[in-house]
Amino acid sequence: MRIVWSWLREFCPTEHSASELAERLTLQGVKVEEVMRPWGGLQGVVVARVVKVEDHPNSQKLTVVTVDDGTGEHVVCAGIRNYEPGDLVPWARPGARVPVLPEPLAPRDMGGVVSNGMLCSPRELAIADAHTGILVL
């Protein structure tokens, strides 16, 4: 059974960390198999508004997406097109970390267009196994 930490703390207020409480529960006979931290490998992902979506000039599979995160507009290349201008999407900007990649993201040339990070699917954010498209919020 999985129990969300914030829910557990609502019913049983404690000042112990999740790891400390797991150890104490195990010592009392309630085996805690794992303390999961789904956001552990996630850093630097922000919500951005899709401003413009264009076909990639040198690829039939990619699109060139302009997003605005509140600090300005940024160009990102994406392989899935399930969003439109005005949608809010998770954007992993350069320097960001996502759980499915071992290294922080960096600007990358994709067929002649520099992609500044990536738009994220639920699988890339480690919140679901689905990889059918970008998460539209």
N, C-alpha and C. Protein backbone atom coordinates (compact mmCIF):
# COMPACT_ATOMS: atom_id res chain seq x y z
N MET A 1 0.84 -1.16 0.00
CA MET A 1 0.00 0.00 0.00
C MET A 1 0.90 1.24 0.00
N ARG A 2 0.49 2.23 -0.76
CA ARG A 2 1.22 3.49 -0.79
C ARG A 2 0.45 4.53 0.01
N ILE A 3 1.16 5.31 0.79
CA ILE A 3 0.55 6.37 1.58
C ILE A 3 1.28 7.67 1.28
N VAL A 4 0.52 8.69 0.94
CA VAL A 4 1.10 10.00 0.64
C VAL A 4 1.50 10.66 1.96
N TRP A 5 2.73 11.15 2.00
CA TRP A 5 3.30 11.72 3.22
C TRP A 5 2.43 12.82 3.80
N SER A 6 1.94 13.74 2.97
CA SER A 6 1.13 14.85 3.48
C SER A 6 -0.17 14.34 4.11
N TRP A 7 -0.75 13.29 3.55
CA TRP A 7 -1.98 12.72 4.13
C TRP A 7 -1.67 12.08 5.48
N LEU A 8 -0.58 11.35 5.53
CA LEU A 8 -0.20 10.69 6.78
C LEU A 8 0.00 11.73 7.88
N ARG A 9 0.64 12.83 7.53
CA ARG A 9 0.90 13.88 8.53
C ARG A 9 -0.39 14.59 8.97
N GLU A 10 -1.42 14.60 8.11
CA GLU A 10 -2.71 15.17 8.52
C GLU A 10 -3.35 14.34 9.63
N PHE A 11 -3.28 13.02 9.50
CA PHE A 11 -3.91 12.12 10.46
C PHE A 11 -3.03 11.83 11.67
N CYS A 12 -1.73 11.86 11.46
CA CYS A 12 -0.77 11.56 12.54
C CYS A 12 0.33 12.62 12.51
N PRO A 13 0.08 13.79 13.07
CA PRO A 13 1.09 14.85 13.04
C PRO A 13 2.41 14.37 13.65
N THR A 14 3.51 14.66 12.97
CA THR A 14 4.83 14.27 13.44
C THR A 14 5.87 15.25 12.93
N GLU A 15 6.93 15.37 13.69
CA GLU A 15 8.04 16.21 13.27
C GLU A 15 9.16 15.38 12.63
N HIS A 16 8.98 14.05 12.62
CA HIS A 16 10.00 13.17 12.03
C HIS A 16 9.97 13.28 10.51
N SER A 17 11.11 13.04 9.89
CA SER A 17 11.16 12.98 8.42
C SER A 17 10.52 11.67 7.98
N ALA A 18 10.26 11.55 6.69
CA ALA A 18 9.66 10.32 6.16
C ALA A 18 10.55 9.12 6.43
N SER A 19 11.85 9.27 6.25
CA SER A 19 12.78 8.17 6.49
C SER A 19 12.81 7.77 7.96
N GLU A 20 12.82 8.76 8.86
CA GLU A 20 12.82 8.46 10.30
C GLU A 20 11.54 7.74 10.71
N LEU A 21 10.42 8.21 10.19
CA LEU A 21 9.15 7.58 10.53
C LEU A 21 9.08 6.17 9.98
N ALA A 22 9.59 5.96 8.77
CA ALA A 22 9.61 4.61 8.19
C ALA A 22 10.41 3.66 9.07
N GLU A 23 11.53 4.12 9.57
CA GLU A 23 12.37 3.29 10.45
C GLU A 23 11.63 2.98 11.75
N ARG A 24 10.98 3.98 12.34
CA ARG A 24 10.25 3.78 13.59
C ARG A 24 9.07 2.82 13.40
N LEU A 25 8.34 2.97 12.27
CA LEU A 25 7.22 2.07 12.00
C LEU A 25 7.70 0.63 11.82
N THR A 26 8.80 0.45 11.12
CA THR A 26 9.36 -0.88 10.91
C THR A 26 9.76 -1.50 12.25
N LEU A 27 10.35 -0.71 13.14
CA LEU A 27 10.72 -1.22 14.46
C LEU A 27 9.50 -1.62 15.30
N GLN A 28 8.35 -1.01 14.99
CA GLN A 28 7.11 -1.33 15.71
C GLN A 28 6.34 -2.48 15.05
N GLY A 29 6.88 -3.06 13.97
CA GLY A 29 6.25 -4.21 13.34
C GLY A 29 5.47 -3.91 12.08
N VAL A 30 5.44 -2.67 11.64
CA VAL A 30 4.78 -2.31 10.39
C VAL A 30 5.87 -2.11 9.36
N LYS A 31 6.04 -3.11 8.49
CA LYS A 31 7.15 -3.07 7.56
C LYS A 31 6.94 -2.01 6.49
N VAL A 32 7.89 -1.10 6.40
CA VAL A 32 7.89 -0.09 5.35
C VAL A 32 8.94 -0.53 4.34
N GLU A 33 8.51 -0.88 3.14
CA GLU A 33 9.42 -1.40 2.13
C GLU A 33 10.25 -0.32 1.46
N GLU A 34 9.65 0.85 1.29
CA GLU A 34 10.35 1.88 0.52
C GLU A 34 9.75 3.25 0.82
N VAL A 35 10.59 4.26 0.86
CA VAL A 35 10.15 5.64 0.90
C VAL A 35 10.42 6.19 -0.50
N MET A 36 9.34 6.46 -1.22
CA MET A 36 9.48 6.92 -2.61
C MET A 36 9.56 8.43 -2.66
N ARG A 37 10.42 8.93 -3.50
CA ARG A 37 10.56 10.36 -3.71
C ARG A 37 10.44 10.63 -5.21
N PRO A 38 9.19 10.70 -5.71
CA PRO A 38 8.99 10.82 -7.15
C PRO A 38 9.57 12.10 -7.77
N TRP A 39 9.75 13.14 -6.96
CA TRP A 39 10.29 14.39 -7.50
C TRP A 39 11.78 14.51 -7.25
N GLY A 40 12.41 13.45 -6.77
CA GLY A 40 13.82 13.49 -6.43
C GLY A 40 14.75 13.88 -7.57
N GLY A 41 14.50 13.42 -8.77
CA GLY A 41 15.37 13.73 -9.90
C GLY A 41 14.88 14.88 -10.75
N LEU A 42 13.98 15.68 -10.21
CA LEU A 42 13.36 16.76 -10.97
C LEU A 42 13.82 18.11 -10.43
N GLN A 43 14.32 18.95 -11.33
CA GLN A 43 14.80 20.27 -10.91
C GLN A 43 14.79 21.20 -12.12
N GLY A 44 14.31 22.41 -11.95
CA GLY A 44 14.38 23.43 -12.99
C GLY A 44 13.31 23.33 -14.06
N VAL A 45 12.25 22.55 -13.83
CA VAL A 45 11.14 22.47 -14.78
C VAL A 45 10.11 23.51 -14.36
N VAL A 46 9.67 24.31 -15.31
CA VAL A 46 8.69 25.37 -15.03
C VAL A 46 7.51 25.23 -15.98
N VAL A 47 6.44 25.94 -15.67
CA VAL A 47 5.27 25.97 -16.55
C VAL A 47 5.47 27.12 -17.53
N ALA A 48 5.25 26.83 -18.80
CA ALA A 48 5.39 27.85 -19.84
C ALA A 48 4.15 27.83 -20.73
N ARG A 49 3.84 28.97 -21.28
CA ARG A 49 2.71 29.08 -22.21
C ARG A 49 3.22 28.93 -23.64
N VAL A 50 2.54 28.10 -24.41
CA VAL A 50 2.90 27.93 -25.82
C VAL A 50 2.45 29.19 -26.56
N VAL A 51 3.41 29.84 -27.23
CA VAL A 51 3.13 31.07 -27.96
C VAL A 51 2.89 30.78 -29.44
N LYS A 52 3.76 29.92 -30.00
CA LYS A 52 3.69 29.65 -31.44
C LYS A 52 4.18 28.24 -31.71
N VAL A 53 3.54 27.56 -32.68
CA VAL A 53 3.95 26.22 -33.09
C VAL A 53 4.12 26.24 -34.61
N GLU A 54 5.32 25.85 -35.06
CA GLU A 54 5.62 25.83 -36.50
C GLU A 54 6.22 24.49 -36.88
N ASP A 55 6.11 24.15 -38.15
CA ASP A 55 6.80 22.96 -38.65
C ASP A 55 8.29 23.22 -38.65
N HIS A 56 9.07 22.19 -38.37
CA HIS A 56 10.53 22.30 -38.40
C HIS A 56 10.95 22.42 -39.86
N PRO A 57 11.86 23.33 -40.19
CA PRO A 57 12.24 23.53 -41.60
C PRO A 57 13.00 22.34 -42.20
N ASN A 58 13.62 21.50 -41.37
CA ASN A 58 14.44 20.41 -41.91
C ASN A 58 14.01 19.03 -41.43
N SER A 59 12.82 18.91 -40.86
CA SER A 59 12.38 17.62 -40.36
C SER A 59 10.86 17.51 -40.45
N GLN A 60 10.40 16.35 -40.88
CA GLN A 60 8.96 16.13 -40.95
C GLN A 60 8.40 15.68 -39.60
N LYS A 61 9.28 15.21 -38.69
CA LYS A 61 8.83 14.70 -37.40
C LYS A 61 8.83 15.76 -36.29
N LEU A 62 9.66 16.78 -36.43
CA LEU A 62 9.81 17.77 -35.37
C LEU A 62 8.97 19.02 -35.62
N THR A 63 8.66 19.70 -34.52
CA THR A 63 8.04 21.02 -34.60
C THR A 63 8.93 22.01 -33.85
N VAL A 64 8.82 23.26 -34.19
CA VAL A 64 9.53 24.33 -33.50
C VAL A 64 8.49 25.09 -32.69
N VAL A 65 8.67 25.08 -31.38
CA VAL A 65 7.70 25.66 -30.47
C VAL A 65 8.32 26.85 -29.76
N THR A 66 7.61 27.95 -29.73
CA THR A 66 8.04 29.11 -28.96
C THR A 66 7.19 29.13 -27.69
N VAL A 67 7.88 29.14 -26.54
CA VAL A 67 7.19 29.17 -25.24
C VAL A 67 7.60 30.42 -24.48
N ASP A 68 6.73 30.84 -23.58
CA ASP A 68 7.01 31.99 -22.72
C ASP A 68 6.84 31.55 -21.27
N ASP A 69 7.91 31.68 -20.49
CA ASP A 69 7.86 31.28 -19.08
C ASP A 69 7.72 32.47 -18.14
N GLY A 70 7.41 33.62 -18.67
CA GLY A 70 7.28 34.82 -17.85
C GLY A 70 8.54 35.67 -17.85
N THR A 71 9.67 35.09 -18.26
CA THR A 71 10.91 35.85 -18.34
C THR A 71 11.26 36.20 -19.78
N GLY A 72 10.50 35.66 -20.72
CA GLY A 72 10.76 35.89 -22.13
C GLY A 72 10.38 34.68 -22.95
N GLU A 73 10.58 34.80 -24.25
CA GLU A 73 10.24 33.71 -25.16
C GLU A 73 11.47 32.85 -25.45
N HIS A 74 11.24 31.54 -25.60
CA HIS A 74 12.31 30.58 -25.82
C HIS A 74 11.87 29.59 -26.90
N VAL A 75 12.82 29.12 -27.69
CA VAL A 75 12.53 28.18 -28.77
C VAL A 75 12.91 26.77 -28.33
N VAL A 76 11.98 25.84 -28.57
CA VAL A 76 12.18 24.44 -28.20
C VAL A 76 11.73 23.58 -29.38
N CYS A 77 12.46 22.52 -29.68
CA CYS A 77 12.03 21.56 -30.69
C CYS A 77 11.35 20.41 -29.98
N ALA A 78 10.25 19.93 -30.56
CA ALA A 78 9.50 18.82 -29.96
C ALA A 78 9.09 17.83 -31.04
N GLY A 79 9.02 16.57 -30.66
CA GLY A 79 8.66 15.51 -31.60
C GLY A 79 7.20 15.15 -31.56
N ILE A 80 6.48 15.64 -30.59
CA ILE A 80 5.05 15.33 -30.46
C ILE A 80 4.30 16.65 -30.50
N ARG A 81 3.14 16.63 -31.18
CA ARG A 81 2.38 17.88 -31.36
C ARG A 81 0.95 17.70 -30.86
N ASN A 82 0.75 17.73 -29.57
CA ASN A 82 -0.60 17.61 -29.02
C ASN A 82 -1.00 18.86 -28.23
N TYR A 83 -0.42 19.98 -28.55
CA TYR A 83 -0.66 21.24 -27.86
C TYR A 83 -0.85 22.32 -28.91
N GLU A 84 -1.34 23.44 -28.47
CA GLU A 84 -1.56 24.55 -29.41
C GLU A 84 -1.26 25.86 -28.68
N PRO A 85 -1.14 26.95 -29.42
CA PRO A 85 -0.86 28.23 -28.77
C PRO A 85 -1.88 28.52 -27.67
N GLY A 86 -1.36 28.99 -26.54
CA GLY A 86 -2.21 29.28 -25.39
C GLY A 86 -2.16 28.20 -24.32
N ASP A 87 -1.77 26.97 -24.69
CA ASP A 87 -1.69 25.88 -23.72
C ASP A 87 -0.53 26.10 -22.75
N LEU A 88 -0.69 25.60 -21.53
CA LEU A 88 0.37 25.61 -20.53
C LEU A 88 1.00 24.22 -20.50
N VAL A 89 2.33 24.18 -20.59
CA VAL A 89 3.05 22.92 -20.64
C VAL A 89 4.28 22.97 -19.74
N PRO A 90 4.75 21.81 -19.25
CA PRO A 90 5.99 21.79 -18.48
C PRO A 90 7.19 21.94 -19.42
N TRP A 91 8.04 22.89 -19.12
CA TRP A 91 9.24 23.15 -19.93
C TRP A 91 10.47 22.95 -19.06
N ALA A 92 11.30 22.02 -19.47
CA ALA A 92 12.58 21.80 -18.80
C ALA A 92 13.60 22.66 -19.53
N ARG A 93 13.95 23.76 -18.94
CA ARG A 93 14.85 24.71 -19.58
C ARG A 93 16.30 24.22 -19.49
N PRO A 94 17.22 24.83 -20.21
CA PRO A 94 18.63 24.43 -20.11
C PRO A 94 19.10 24.48 -18.65
N GLY A 95 19.77 23.42 -18.24
CA GLY A 95 20.24 23.29 -16.86
C GLY A 95 19.29 22.49 -15.99
N ALA A 96 18.08 22.26 -16.49
CA ALA A 96 17.09 21.49 -15.72
C ALA A 96 17.44 20.01 -15.72
N ARG A 97 16.91 19.31 -14.73
CA ARG A 97 17.08 17.86 -14.62
C ARG A 97 15.70 17.22 -14.64
N VAL A 98 15.59 16.14 -15.41
CA VAL A 98 14.37 15.33 -15.40
C VAL A 98 14.77 13.90 -15.05
N PRO A 99 13.89 13.18 -14.34
CA PRO A 99 14.26 11.85 -13.85
C PRO A 99 14.70 10.84 -14.90
N VAL A 100 14.23 10.97 -16.14
CA VAL A 100 14.56 9.97 -17.15
C VAL A 100 15.90 10.22 -17.85
N LEU A 101 16.53 11.35 -17.58
CA LEU A 101 17.81 11.66 -18.22
C LEU A 101 18.92 11.74 -17.17
N PRO A 102 20.09 11.18 -17.49
CA PRO A 102 21.18 11.18 -16.50
C PRO A 102 21.88 12.52 -16.33
N GLU A 103 21.81 13.38 -17.33
CA GLU A 103 22.52 14.65 -17.31
C GLU A 103 21.55 15.83 -17.36
N PRO A 104 21.95 16.99 -16.86
CA PRO A 104 21.11 18.19 -17.03
C PRO A 104 20.98 18.53 -18.50
N LEU A 105 19.88 19.15 -18.85
CA LEU A 105 19.64 19.54 -20.23
C LEU A 105 20.53 20.72 -20.63
N ALA A 106 20.88 20.75 -21.90
CA ALA A 106 21.68 21.84 -22.45
C ALA A 106 21.08 22.21 -23.80
N PRO A 107 21.30 23.44 -24.27
CA PRO A 107 20.84 23.77 -25.63
C PRO A 107 21.45 22.78 -26.62
N ARG A 108 20.65 22.39 -27.61
CA ARG A 108 21.10 21.36 -28.54
C ARG A 108 20.62 21.68 -29.95
N ASP A 109 21.51 21.51 -30.90
CA ASP A 109 21.15 21.73 -32.31
C ASP A 109 20.35 20.53 -32.79
N MET A 110 19.16 20.80 -33.29
CA MET A 110 18.30 19.74 -33.82
C MET A 110 17.94 20.08 -35.26
N GLY A 111 18.77 19.62 -36.16
CA GLY A 111 18.51 19.85 -37.58
C GLY A 111 18.58 21.30 -38.00
N GLY A 112 19.48 22.05 -37.39
CA GLY A 112 19.65 23.45 -37.77
C GLY A 112 18.90 24.43 -36.89
N VAL A 113 18.12 23.94 -35.96
CA VAL A 113 17.40 24.81 -35.01
C VAL A 113 17.90 24.45 -33.61
N VAL A 114 18.31 25.47 -32.85
CA VAL A 114 18.78 25.22 -31.49
C VAL A 114 17.57 25.10 -30.56
N SER A 115 17.47 23.94 -29.90
CA SER A 115 16.39 23.69 -28.95
C SER A 115 16.89 24.01 -27.56
N ASN A 116 16.20 24.89 -26.88
CA ASN A 116 16.55 25.30 -25.52
C ASN A 116 15.74 24.48 -24.52
N GLY A 117 16.19 23.28 -24.23
CA GLY A 117 15.50 22.40 -23.32
C GLY A 117 14.48 21.53 -24.02
N MET A 118 13.45 21.12 -23.26
CA MET A 118 12.44 20.23 -23.83
C MET A 118 11.09 20.44 -23.16
N LEU A 119 10.03 20.13 -23.92
CA LEU A 119 8.70 20.07 -23.35
C LEU A 119 8.53 18.65 -22.82
N CYS A 120 7.85 18.48 -21.69
CA CYS A 120 7.86 17.19 -20.99
C CYS A 120 6.53 16.45 -21.04
N SER A 121 6.65 15.15 -21.19
CA SER A 121 5.50 14.25 -21.09
C SER A 121 5.39 13.78 -19.65
N PRO A 122 4.28 13.15 -19.28
CA PRO A 122 4.17 12.61 -17.92
C PRO A 122 5.28 11.61 -17.59
N ARG A 123 5.70 10.81 -18.57
CA ARG A 123 6.76 9.83 -18.31
C ARG A 123 8.10 10.53 -18.04
N GLU A 124 8.38 11.59 -18.75
CA GLU A 124 9.65 12.30 -18.55
C GLU A 124 9.71 12.99 -17.19
N LEU A 125 8.53 13.29 -16.63
CA LEU A 125 8.47 13.90 -15.30
C LEU A 125 8.34 12.84 -14.20
N ALA A 126 8.26 11.57 -14.61
CA ALA A 126 8.13 10.43 -13.70
C ALA A 126 6.84 10.48 -12.88
N ILE A 127 5.76 10.97 -13.50
CA ILE A 127 4.48 10.97 -12.81
C ILE A 127 3.51 9.95 -13.40
N ALA A 128 3.86 9.35 -14.55
CA ALA A 128 3.04 8.31 -15.17
C ALA A 128 3.89 7.58 -16.19
N ASP A 129 3.44 6.41 -16.59
CA ASP A 129 4.17 5.65 -17.60
C ASP A 129 3.81 6.09 -19.01
N ALA A 130 2.74 6.84 -19.15
CA ALA A 130 2.26 7.25 -20.47
C ALA A 130 3.25 8.18 -21.18
N HIS A 131 3.43 7.91 -22.45
CA HIS A 131 4.28 8.76 -23.28
C HIS A 131 3.55 9.08 -24.58
N THR A 132 2.27 9.41 -24.45
CA THR A 132 1.47 9.68 -25.63
C THR A 132 1.54 11.11 -26.09
N GLY A 133 2.08 11.98 -25.28
CA GLY A 133 2.18 13.37 -25.68
C GLY A 133 2.72 14.22 -24.55
N ILE A 134 2.88 15.48 -24.87
CA ILE A 134 3.33 16.47 -23.88
C ILE A 134 2.20 16.66 -22.87
N LEU A 135 2.55 16.85 -21.62
CA LEU A 135 1.55 17.10 -20.58
C LEU A 135 1.01 18.50 -20.77
N VAL A 136 -0.28 18.62 -21.07
CA VAL A 136 -0.93 19.92 -21.20
C VAL A 136 -1.68 20.16 -19.90
N LEU A 137 -1.33 21.27 -19.24
CA LEU A 137 -1.90 21.54 -17.91
C LEU A 137 -3.20 22.33 -17.99
